[in-house]
Amino acid sequence: MERDLIAITEYCIRYDIEPSFIDSLEETGIILLTNIDQEKFIRMEQLPEIDRYIHFHYDLQINIEGIDAIRHLLNKVSSMQEEIQQLKQQLAVGK
C-alpha cells in the first residue's frame, strides 16, 4: 500500500510547488489525500491528474476555482465521448 503513496512534502520538494496548493486541491474536493500518522500522502494514480493541475495553476495562472471548473468540463467531455462511442457501436450492430 505504501508503495502506491508519495508524501506531499516529498512531492512538493521534487516539483518545487507549495504544499498549500495541494491542500487547496484537497479542500475543494478536486483530489483525495491519504492521512497516515499525521502526514498526508498522494496516491500514485492521481499523479497525472495533479501534474495537469500544476500546469494549469503555475503555467497558465488558473486559480483553484478555475481548475475545478475545467476538471468538471473535461469530465463531461470524456463522458460524452464514451456515450458517442457506445452509440456508434449500437449503430454498427444495427446495420
PDB file of N, CA and C in Angstrom:
ATOM      1  N   MET A   1       0.827  -1.194   0.000  1.00  0.00           N
ATOM      2  CA  MET A   1       0.000   0.000   0.000  1.00  0.00           C
ATOM      3  C   MET A   1       0.868   1.252   0.000  1.00  0.00           C
ATOM      4  N   GLU A   2       1.904   1.273   0.839  1.00  0.00           N
ATOM      5  CA  GLU A   2       2.716   2.480   0.942  1.00  0.00           C
ATOM      6  C   GLU A   2       3.528   2.744  -0.315  1.00  0.00           C
ATOM      7  N   ARG A   3       3.728   1.726  -1.147  1.00  0.00           N
ATOM      8  CA  ARG A   3       4.422   1.947  -2.422  1.00  0.00           C
ATOM      9  C   ARG A   3       3.564   2.765  -3.373  1.00  0.00           C
ATOM     10  N   ASP A   4       2.264   2.731  -3.155  1.00  0.00           N
ATOM     11  CA  ASP A   4       1.332   3.454  -4.006  1.00  0.00           C
ATOM     12  C   ASP A   4       1.130   4.892  -3.551  1.00  0.00           C
ATOM     13  N   LEU A   5       1.883   5.320  -2.547  1.00  0.00           N
ATOM     14  CA  LEU A   5       1.707   6.652  -1.973  1.00  0.00           C
ATOM     15  C   LEU A   5       3.003   7.443  -2.024  1.00  0.00           C
ATOM     16  N   ILE A   6       2.863   8.759  -2.134  1.00  0.00           N
ATOM     17  CA  ILE A   6       4.018   9.653  -2.052  1.00  0.00           C
ATOM     18  C   ILE A   6       3.646  10.777  -1.077  1.00  0.00           C
ATOM     19  N   ALA A   7       4.547  11.075  -0.166  1.00  0.00           N
ATOM     20  CA  ALA A   7       4.297  12.130   0.823  1.00  0.00           C
ATOM     21  C   ALA A   7       4.210  13.482   0.120  1.00  0.00           C
ATOM     22  N   ILE A   8       3.280  14.299   0.575  1.00  0.00           N
ATOM     23  CA  ILE A   8       3.120  15.631  -0.009  1.00  0.00           C
ATOM     24  C   ILE A   8       4.411  16.432   0.101  1.00  0.00           C
ATOM     25  N   THR A   9       5.071  16.344   1.240  1.00  0.00           N
ATOM     26  CA  THR A   9       6.307  17.113   1.419  1.00  0.00           C
ATOM     27  C   THR A   9       7.352  16.706   0.375  1.00  0.00           C
ATOM     28  N   GLU A  10       7.487  15.420   0.150  1.00  0.00           N
ATOM     29  CA  GLU A  10       8.449  14.926  -0.844  1.00  0.00           C
ATOM     30  C   GLU A  10       8.052  15.374  -2.251  1.00  0.00           C
ATOM     31  N   TYR A  11       6.778  15.252  -2.576  1.00  0.00           N
ATOM     32  CA  TYR A  11       6.275  15.636  -3.897  1.00  0.00           C
ATOM     33  C   TYR A  11       6.498  17.128  -4.152  1.00  0.00           C
ATOM     34  N   CYS A  12       6.187  17.950  -3.157  1.00  0.00           N
ATOM     35  CA  CYS A  12       6.317  19.396  -3.314  1.00  0.00           C
ATOM     36  C   CYS A  12       7.774  19.830  -3.467  1.00  0.00           C
ATOM     37  N   ILE A  13       8.659  19.183  -2.754  1.00  0.00           N
ATOM     38  CA  ILE A  13      10.085  19.487  -2.898  1.00  0.00           C
ATOM     39  C   ILE A  13      10.572  19.086  -4.282  1.00  0.00           C
ATOM     40  N   ARG A  14      10.177  17.887  -4.713  1.00  0.00           N
ATOM     41  CA  ARG A  14      10.623  17.370  -6.011  1.00  0.00           C
ATOM     42  C   ARG A  14      10.156  18.255  -7.167  1.00  0.00           C
ATOM     43  N   TYR A  15       8.917  18.757  -7.086  1.00  0.00           N
ATOM     44  CA  TYR A  15       8.354  19.540  -8.183  1.00  0.00           C
ATOM     45  C   TYR A  15       8.337  21.045  -7.922  1.00  0.00           C
ATOM     46  N   ASP A  16       8.924  21.456  -6.807  1.00  0.00           N
ATOM     47  CA  ASP A  16       9.053  22.868  -6.457  1.00  0.00           C
ATOM     48  C   ASP A  16       7.698  23.592  -6.478  1.00  0.00           C
ATOM     49  N   ILE A  17       6.749  23.024  -5.731  1.00  0.00           N
ATOM     50  CA  ILE A  17       5.441  23.660  -5.590  1.00  0.00           C
ATOM     51  C   ILE A  17       5.131  23.832  -4.109  1.00  0.00           C
ATOM     52  N   GLU A  18       4.183  24.691  -3.819  1.00  0.00           N
ATOM     53  CA  GLU A  18       3.790  24.967  -2.447  1.00  0.00           C
ATOM     54  C   GLU A  18       2.851  23.877  -1.934  1.00  0.00           C
ATOM     55  N   PRO A  19       3.091  23.358  -0.730  1.00  0.00           N
ATOM     56  CA  PRO A  19       2.163  22.381  -0.143  1.00  0.00           C
ATOM     57  C   PRO A  19       0.750  22.940  -0.011  1.00  0.00           C
ATOM     58  N   SER A  20       0.622  24.250   0.154  1.00  0.00           N
ATOM     59  CA  SER A  20      -0.708  24.860   0.273  1.00  0.00           C
ATOM     60  C   SER A  20      -1.534  24.656  -1.000  1.00  0.00           C
ATOM     61  N   PHE A  21      -0.867  24.555  -2.152  1.00  0.00           N
ATOM     62  CA  PHE A  21      -1.579  24.291  -3.407  1.00  0.00           C
ATOM     63  C   PHE A  21      -2.243  22.918  -3.347  1.00  0.00           C
ATOM     64  N   ILE A  22      -1.493  21.914  -2.914  1.00  0.00           N
ATOM     65  CA  ILE A  22      -2.035  20.550  -2.783  1.00  0.00           C
ATOM     66  C   ILE A  22      -3.160  20.548  -1.749  1.00  0.00           C
ATOM     67  N   ASP A  23      -2.958  21.252  -0.642  1.00  0.00           N
ATOM     68  CA  ASP A  23      -4.005  21.351   0.382  1.00  0.00           C
ATOM     69  C   ASP A  23      -5.274  21.990  -0.183  1.00  0.00           C
ATOM     70  N   SER A  24      -5.114  23.007  -1.011  1.00  0.00           N
ATOM     71  CA  SER A  24      -6.274  23.671  -1.621  1.00  0.00           C
ATOM     72  C   SER A  24      -7.028  22.733  -2.559  1.00  0.00           C
ATOM     73  N   LEU A  25      -6.280  21.928  -3.305  1.00  0.00           N
ATOM     74  CA  LEU A  25      -6.919  20.943  -4.183  1.00  0.00           C
ATOM     75  C   LEU A  25      -7.744  19.957  -3.362  1.00  0.00           C
ATOM     76  N   GLU A  26      -7.203  19.557  -2.219  1.00  0.00           N
ATOM     77  CA  GLU A  26      -7.932  18.624  -1.356  1.00  0.00           C
ATOM     78  C   GLU A  26      -9.149  19.300  -0.733  1.00  0.00           C
ATOM     79  N   GLU A  27      -8.988  20.513  -0.242  1.00  0.00           N
ATOM     80  CA  GLU A  27     -10.080  21.227   0.430  1.00  0.00           C
ATOM     81  C   GLU A  27     -11.276  21.438  -0.492  1.00  0.00           C
ATOM     82  N   THR A  28     -11.032  21.639  -1.768  1.00  0.00           N
ATOM     83  CA  THR A  28     -12.124  21.853  -2.713  1.00  0.00           C
ATOM     84  C   THR A  28     -12.668  20.542  -3.275  1.00  0.00           C
ATOM     85  N   GLY A  29     -12.066  19.419  -2.882  1.00  0.00           N
ATOM     86  CA  GLY A  29     -12.557  18.116  -3.332  1.00  0.00           C
ATOM     87  C   GLY A  29     -12.046  17.706  -4.699  1.00  0.00           C
ATOM     88  N   ILE A  30     -11.057  18.408  -5.211  1.00  0.00           N
ATOM     89  CA  ILE A  30     -10.509  18.079  -6.528  1.00  0.00           C
ATOM     90  C   ILE A  30      -9.690  16.796  -6.457  1.00  0.00           C
ATOM     91  N   ILE A  31      -8.944  16.624  -5.360  1.00  0.00           N
ATOM     92  CA  ILE A  31      -8.180  15.395  -5.148  1.00  0.00           C
ATOM     93  C   ILE A  31      -8.477  14.860  -3.755  1.00  0.00           C
ATOM     94  N   LEU A  32      -8.157  13.599  -3.551  1.00  0.00           N
ATOM     95  CA  LEU A  32      -8.277  12.969  -2.242  1.00  0.00           C
ATOM     96  C   LEU A  32      -6.882  12.609  -1.752  1.00  0.00           C
ATOM     97  N   LEU A  33      -6.606  12.948  -0.511  1.00  0.00           N
ATOM     98  CA  LEU A  33      -5.319  12.609   0.085  1.00  0.00           C
ATOM     99  C   LEU A  33      -5.528  11.534   1.147  1.00  0.00           C
ATOM    100  N   THR A  34      -4.466  10.800   1.428  1.00  0.00           N
ATOM    101  CA  THR A  34      -4.489   9.760   2.448  1.00  0.00           C
ATOM    102  C   THR A  34      -3.674  10.240   3.635  1.00  0.00           C
ATOM    103  N   ASN A  35      -4.247  10.149   4.814  1.00  0.00           N
ATOM    104  CA  ASN A  35      -3.553  10.540   6.042  1.00  0.00           C
ATOM    105  C   ASN A  35      -3.022   9.298   6.745  1.00  0.00           C
ATOM    106  N   ILE A  36      -1.724   9.311   7.041  1.00  0.00           N
ATOM    107  CA  ILE A  36      -1.097   8.250   7.812  1.00  0.00           C
ATOM    108  C   ILE A  36      -0.171   8.909   8.822  1.00  0.00           C
ATOM    109  N   ASP A  37      -0.418   8.627  10.098  1.00  0.00           N
ATOM    110  CA  ASP A  37       0.420   9.182  11.172  1.00  0.00           C
ATOM    111  C   ASP A  37       0.621  10.689  11.036  1.00  0.00           C
ATOM    112  N   GLN A  38      -0.448  11.417  10.856  1.00  0.00           N
ATOM    113  CA  GLN A  38      -0.454  12.875  10.759  1.00  0.00           C
ATOM    114  C   GLN A  38       0.336  13.431   9.571  1.00  0.00           C
ATOM    115  N   GLU A  39       0.584  12.599   8.590  1.00  0.00           N
ATOM    116  CA  GLU A  39       1.221  13.064   7.355  1.00  0.00           C
ATOM    117  C   GLU A  39       0.289  12.742   6.194  1.00  0.00           C
ATOM    118  N   LYS A  40       0.230  13.659   5.226  1.00  0.00           N
ATOM    119  CA  LYS A  40      -0.651  13.475   4.079  1.00  0.00           C
ATOM    120  C   LYS A  40       0.127  12.891   2.907  1.00  0.00           C
ATOM    121  N   PHE A  41      -0.550  11.987   2.174  1.00  0.00           N
ATOM    122  CA  PHE A  41       0.048  11.302   1.033  1.00  0.00           C
ATOM    123  C   PHE A  41      -0.870  11.404  -0.179  1.00  0.00           C
ATOM    124  N   ILE A  42      -0.235  11.374  -1.348  1.00  0.00           N
ATOM    125  CA  ILE A  42      -0.934  11.374  -2.629  1.00  0.00           C
ATOM    126  C   ILE A  42      -0.862   9.957  -3.183  1.00  0.00           C
ATOM    127  N   ARG A  43      -1.962   9.467  -3.701  1.00  0.00           N
ATOM    128  CA  ARG A  43      -1.961   8.157  -4.370  1.00  0.00           C
ATOM    129  C   ARG A  43      -1.303   8.311  -5.741  1.00  0.00           C
ATOM    130  N   MET A  44      -0.482   7.336  -6.089  1.00  0.00           N
ATOM    131  CA  MET A  44       0.278   7.396  -7.345  1.00  0.00           C
ATOM    132  C   MET A  44      -0.632   7.548  -8.570  1.00  0.00           C
ATOM    133  N   GLU A  45      -1.823   6.934  -8.527  1.00  0.00           N
ATOM    134  CA  GLU A  45      -2.711   7.021  -9.692  1.00  0.00           C
ATOM    135  C   GLU A  45      -3.244   8.436  -9.908  1.00  0.00           C
ATOM    136  N   GLN A  46      -3.116   9.304  -8.895  1.00  0.00           N
ATOM    137  CA  GLN A  46      -3.570  10.689  -9.034  1.00  0.00           C
ATOM    138  C   GLN A  46      -2.486  11.609  -9.600  1.00  0.00           C
ATOM    139  N   LEU A  47      -1.269  11.126  -9.724  1.00  0.00           N
ATOM    140  CA  LEU A  47      -0.163  11.991 -10.140  1.00  0.00           C
ATOM    141  C   LEU A  47      -0.356  12.636 -11.509  1.00  0.00           C
ATOM    142  N   PRO A  48      -0.813  11.892 -12.532  1.00  0.00           N
ATOM    143  CA  PRO A  48      -1.019  12.576 -13.824  1.00  0.00           C
ATOM    144  C   PRO A  48      -2.043  13.705 -13.729  1.00  0.00           C
ATOM    145  N   GLU A  49      -3.082  13.471 -12.954  1.00  0.00           N
ATOM    146  CA  GLU A  49      -4.117  14.468 -12.742  1.00  0.00           C
ATOM    147  C   GLU A  49      -3.536  15.700 -12.026  1.00  0.00           C
ATOM    148  N   ILE A  50      -2.768  15.465 -10.978  1.00  0.00           N
ATOM    149  CA  ILE A  50      -2.171  16.566 -10.219  1.00  0.00           C
ATOM    150  C   ILE A  50      -1.164  17.320 -11.076  1.00  0.00           C
ATOM    151  N   ASP A  51      -0.410  16.605 -11.901  1.00  0.00           N
ATOM    152  CA  ASP A  51       0.525  17.265 -12.815  1.00  0.00           C
ATOM    153  C   ASP A  51      -0.217  18.229 -13.735  1.00  0.00           C
ATOM    154  N   ARG A  52      -1.373  17.819 -14.201  1.00  0.00           N
ATOM    155  CA  ARG A  52      -2.187  18.680 -15.066  1.00  0.00           C
ATOM    156  C   ARG A  52      -2.626  19.933 -14.299  1.00  0.00           C
ATOM    157  N   TYR A  53      -3.042  19.754 -13.049  1.00  0.00           N
ATOM    158  CA  TYR A  53      -3.492  20.886 -12.239  1.00  0.00           C
ATOM    159  C   TYR A  53      -2.336  21.839 -11.932  1.00  0.00           C
ATOM    160  N   ILE A  54      -1.154  21.288 -11.737  1.00  0.00           N
ATOM    161  CA  ILE A  54       0.040  22.125 -11.518  1.00  0.00           C
ATOM    162  C   ILE A  54       0.298  22.979 -12.758  1.00  0.00           C
ATOM    163  N   HIS A  55       0.193  22.368 -13.924  1.00  0.00           N
ATOM    164  CA  HIS A  55       0.373  23.100 -15.181  1.00  0.00           C
ATOM    165  C   HIS A  55      -0.672  24.217 -15.296  1.00  0.00           C
ATOM    166  N   PHE A  56      -1.936  23.898 -15.017  1.00  0.00           N
ATOM    167  CA  PHE A  56      -2.989  24.906 -15.076  1.00  0.00           C
ATOM    168  C   PHE A  56      -2.675  26.079 -14.150  1.00  0.00           C
ATOM    169  N   HIS A  57      -2.265  25.754 -12.929  1.00  0.00           N
ATOM    170  CA  HIS A  57      -2.088  26.792 -11.917  1.00  0.00           C
ATOM    171  C   HIS A  57      -0.797  27.598 -12.104  1.00  0.00           C
ATOM    172  N   TYR A  58       0.313  26.911 -12.239  1.00  0.00           N
ATOM    173  CA  TYR A  58       1.606  27.610 -12.269  1.00  0.00           C
ATOM    174  C   TYR A  58       1.978  28.135 -13.655  1.00  0.00           C
ATOM    175  N   ASP A  59       1.620  27.415 -14.703  1.00  0.00           N
ATOM    176  CA  ASP A  59       1.985  27.863 -16.048  1.00  0.00           C
ATOM    177  C   ASP A  59       0.918  28.757 -16.672  1.00  0.00           C
ATOM    178  N   LEU A  60      -0.349  28.437 -16.419  1.00  0.00           N
ATOM    179  CA  LEU A  60      -1.438  29.181 -17.048  1.00  0.00           C
ATOM    180  C   LEU A  60      -2.121  30.167 -16.106  1.00  0.00           C
ATOM    181  N   GLN A  61      -1.664  30.204 -14.833  1.00  0.00           N
ATOM    182  CA  GLN A  61      -2.184  31.145 -13.837  1.00  0.00           C
ATOM    183  C   GLN A  61      -3.691  30.983 -13.577  1.00  0.00           C
ATOM    184  N   ILE A  62      -4.165  29.734 -13.580  1.00  0.00           N
ATOM    185  CA  ILE A  62      -5.577  29.457 -13.318  1.00  0.00           C
ATOM    186  C   ILE A  62      -5.737  29.156 -11.832  1.00  0.00           C
ATOM    187  N   ASN A  63      -6.712  29.806 -11.199  1.00  0.00           N
ATOM    188  CA  ASN A  63      -6.918  29.607  -9.764  1.00  0.00           C
ATOM    189  C   ASN A  63      -7.638  28.274  -9.489  1.00  0.00           C
ATOM    190  N   ILE A  64      -7.781  27.946  -8.216  1.00  0.00           N
ATOM    191  CA  ILE A  64      -8.360  26.658  -7.822  1.00  0.00           C
ATOM    192  C   ILE A  64      -9.787  26.518  -8.350  1.00  0.00           C
ATOM    193  N   GLU A  65     -10.573  27.589  -8.282  1.00  0.00           N
ATOM    194  CA  GLU A  65     -11.948  27.538  -8.767  1.00  0.00           C
ATOM    195  C   GLU A  65     -11.977  27.269 -10.271  1.00  0.00           C
ATOM    196  N   GLY A  66     -11.055  27.884 -10.996  1.00  0.00           N
ATOM    197  CA  GLY A  66     -10.955  27.645 -12.434  1.00  0.00           C
ATOM    198  C   GLY A  66     -10.550  26.214 -12.738  1.00  0.00           C
ATOM    199  N   ILE A  67      -9.619  25.692 -11.958  1.00  0.00           N
ATOM    200  CA  ILE A  67      -9.193  24.295 -12.133  1.00  0.00           C
ATOM    201  C   ILE A  67     -10.383  23.367 -11.914  1.00  0.00           C
ATOM    202  N   ASP A  68     -11.180  23.645 -10.896  1.00  0.00           N
ATOM    203  CA  ASP A  68     -12.347  22.811 -10.616  1.00  0.00           C
ATOM    204  C   ASP A  68     -13.336  22.870 -11.777  1.00  0.00           C
ATOM    205  N   ALA A  69     -13.551  24.047 -12.331  1.00  0.00           N
ATOM    206  CA  ALA A  69     -14.465  24.203 -13.470  1.00  0.00           C
ATOM    207  C   ALA A  69     -13.933  23.453 -14.697  1.00  0.00           C
ATOM    208  N   ILE A  70     -12.648  23.587 -14.962  1.00  0.00           N
ATOM    209  CA  ILE A  70     -12.036  22.892 -16.097  1.00  0.00           C
ATOM    210  C   ILE A  70     -12.138  21.385 -15.913  1.00  0.00           C
ATOM    211  N   ARG A  71     -11.865  20.920 -14.690  1.00  0.00           N
ATOM    212  CA  ARG A  71     -11.951  19.486 -14.387  1.00  0.00           C
ATOM    213  C   ARG A  71     -13.367  18.978 -14.652  1.00  0.00           C
ATOM    214  N   HIS A  72     -14.346  19.740 -14.213  1.00  0.00           N
ATOM    215  CA  HIS A  72     -15.742  19.352 -14.422  1.00  0.00           C
ATOM    216  C   HIS A  72     -16.061  19.264 -15.920  1.00  0.00           C
ATOM    217  N   LEU A  73     -15.633  20.260 -16.679  1.00  0.00           N
ATOM    218  CA  LEU A  73     -15.892  20.271 -18.118  1.00  0.00           C
ATOM    219  C   LEU A  73     -15.174  19.132 -18.835  1.00  0.00           C
ATOM    220  N   LEU A  74     -13.929  18.850 -18.450  1.00  0.00           N
ATOM    221  CA  LEU A  74     -13.190  17.741 -19.068  1.00  0.00           C
ATOM    222  C   LEU A  74     -13.860  16.398 -18.769  1.00  0.00           C
ATOM    223  N   ASN A  75     -14.382  16.248 -17.557  1.00  0.00           N
ATOM    224  CA  ASN A  75     -15.107  15.017 -17.223  1.00  0.00           C
ATOM    225  C   ASN A  75     -16.368  14.881 -18.062  1.00  0.00           C
ATOM    226  N   LYS A  76     -17.068  16.001 -18.282  1.00  0.00           N
ATOM    227  CA  LYS A  76     -18.271  15.993 -19.122  1.00  0.00           C
ATOM    228  C   LYS A  76     -17.924  15.593 -20.558  1.00  0.00           C
ATOM    229  N   VAL A  77     -16.854  16.168 -21.096  1.00  0.00           N
ATOM    230  CA  VAL A  77     -16.429  15.853 -22.460  1.00  0.00           C
ATOM    231  C   VAL A  77     -16.085  14.367 -22.573  1.00  0.00           C
ATOM    232  N   SER A  78     -15.363  13.862 -21.598  1.00  0.00           N
ATOM    233  CA  SER A  78     -14.996  12.441 -21.593  1.00  0.00           C
ATOM    234  C   SER A  78     -16.237  11.552 -21.548  1.00  0.00           C
ATOM    235  N   SER A  79     -17.171  11.914 -20.723  1.00  0.00           N
ATOM    236  CA  SER A  79     -18.423  11.161 -20.613  1.00  0.00           C
ATOM    237  C   SER A  79     -19.185  11.180 -21.938  1.00  0.00           C
ATOM    238  N   MET A  80     -19.224  12.332 -22.572  1.00  0.00           N
ATOM    239  CA  MET A  80     -19.921  12.451 -23.846  1.00  0.00           C
ATOM    240  C   MET A  80     -19.213  11.654 -24.945  1.00  0.00           C
ATOM    241  N   GLN A  81     -17.887  11.624 -24.918  1.00  0.00           N
ATOM    242  CA  GLN A  81     -17.138  10.839 -25.898  1.00  0.00           C
ATOM    243  C   GLN A  81     -17.430   9.351 -25.732  1.00  0.00           C
ATOM    244  N   GLU A  82     -17.525   8.894 -24.483  1.00  0.00           N
ATOM    245  CA  GLU A  82     -17.861   7.499 -24.231  1.00  0.00           C
ATOM    246  C   GLU A  82     -19.262   7.183 -24.737  1.00  0.00           C
ATOM    247  N   GLU A  83     -20.184   8.092 -24.511  1.00  0.00           N
ATOM    248  CA  GLU A  83     -21.556   7.894 -24.977  1.00  0.00           C
ATOM    249  C   GLU A  83     -21.604   7.835 -26.506  1.00  0.00           C
ATOM    250  N   ILE A  84     -20.852   8.693 -27.166  1.00  0.00           N
ATOM    251  CA  ILE A  84     -20.797   8.686 -28.626  1.00  0.00           C
ATOM    252  C   ILE A  84     -20.251   7.352 -29.128  1.00  0.00           C
ATOM    253  N   GLN A  85     -19.200   6.848 -28.482  1.00  0.00           N
ATOM    254  CA  GLN A  85     -18.631   5.554 -28.873  1.00  0.00           C
ATOM    255  C   GLN A  85     -19.669   4.438 -28.736  1.00  0.00           C
ATOM    256  N   GLN A  86     -20.418   4.452 -27.634  1.00  0.00           N
ATOM    257  CA  GLN A  86     -21.447   3.437 -27.421  1.00  0.00           C
ATOM    258  C   GLN A  86     -22.533   3.530 -28.493  1.00  0.00           C
ATOM    259  N   LEU A  87     -22.926   4.737 -28.814  1.00  0.00           N
ATOM    260  CA  LEU A  87     -23.950   4.921 -29.842  1.00  0.00           C
ATOM    261  C   LEU A  87     -23.454   4.468 -31.212  1.00  0.00           C
ATOM    262  N   LYS A  88     -22.194   4.744 -31.516  1.00  0.00           N
ATOM    263  CA  LYS A  88     -21.614   4.288 -32.782  1.00  0.00           C
ATOM    264  C   LYS A  88     -21.601   2.772 -32.855  1.00  0.00           C
ATOM    265  N   GLN A  89     -21.260   2.139 -31.744  1.00  0.00           N
ATOM    266  CA  GLN A  89     -21.242   0.681 -31.699  1.00  0.00           C
ATOM    267  C   GLN A  89     -22.654   0.114 -31.894  1.00  0.00           C
ATOM    268  N   GLN A  90     -23.623   0.746 -31.269  1.00  0.00           N
ATOM    269  CA  GLN A  90     -25.007   0.295 -31.426  1.00  0.00           C
ATOM    270  C   GLN A  90     -25.470   0.451 -32.863  1.00  0.00           C
ATOM    271  N   LEU A  91     -25.082   1.531 -33.510  1.00  0.00           N
ATOM    272  CA  LEU A  91     -25.427   1.749 -34.901  1.00  0.00           C
ATOM    273  C   LEU A  91     -24.762   0.728 -35.806  1.00  0.00           C
ATOM    274  N   ALA A  92     -23.514   0.402 -35.499  1.00  0.00           N
ATOM    275  CA  ALA A  92     -22.778  -0.580 -36.311  1.00  0.00           C
ATOM    276  C   ALA A  92     -23.404  -1.970 -36.197  1.00  0.00           C
ATOM    277  N   VAL A  93     -23.875  -2.313 -35.021  1.00  0.00           N
ATOM    278  CA  VAL A  93     -24.510  -3.615 -34.807  1.00  0.00           C
ATOM    279  C   VAL A  93     -25.863  -3.662 -35.521  1.00  0.00           C
ATOM    280  N   GLY A  94     -26.533  -2.549 -35.584  1.00  0.00           N
ATOM    281  CA  GLY A  94     -27.858  -2.485 -36.201  1.00  0.00           C
ATOM    282  C   GLY A  94     -27.851  -2.556 -37.717  1.00  0.00           C
ATOM    283  N   LYS A  95     -26.711  -2.418 -38.336  1.00  0.00           N
ATOM    284  CA  LYS A  95     -26.624  -2.423 -39.814  1.00  0.00           C
ATOM    285  C   LYS A  95     -26.708  -3.812 -40.354  1.00  0.00           C
TER     286      LYS A  95
END
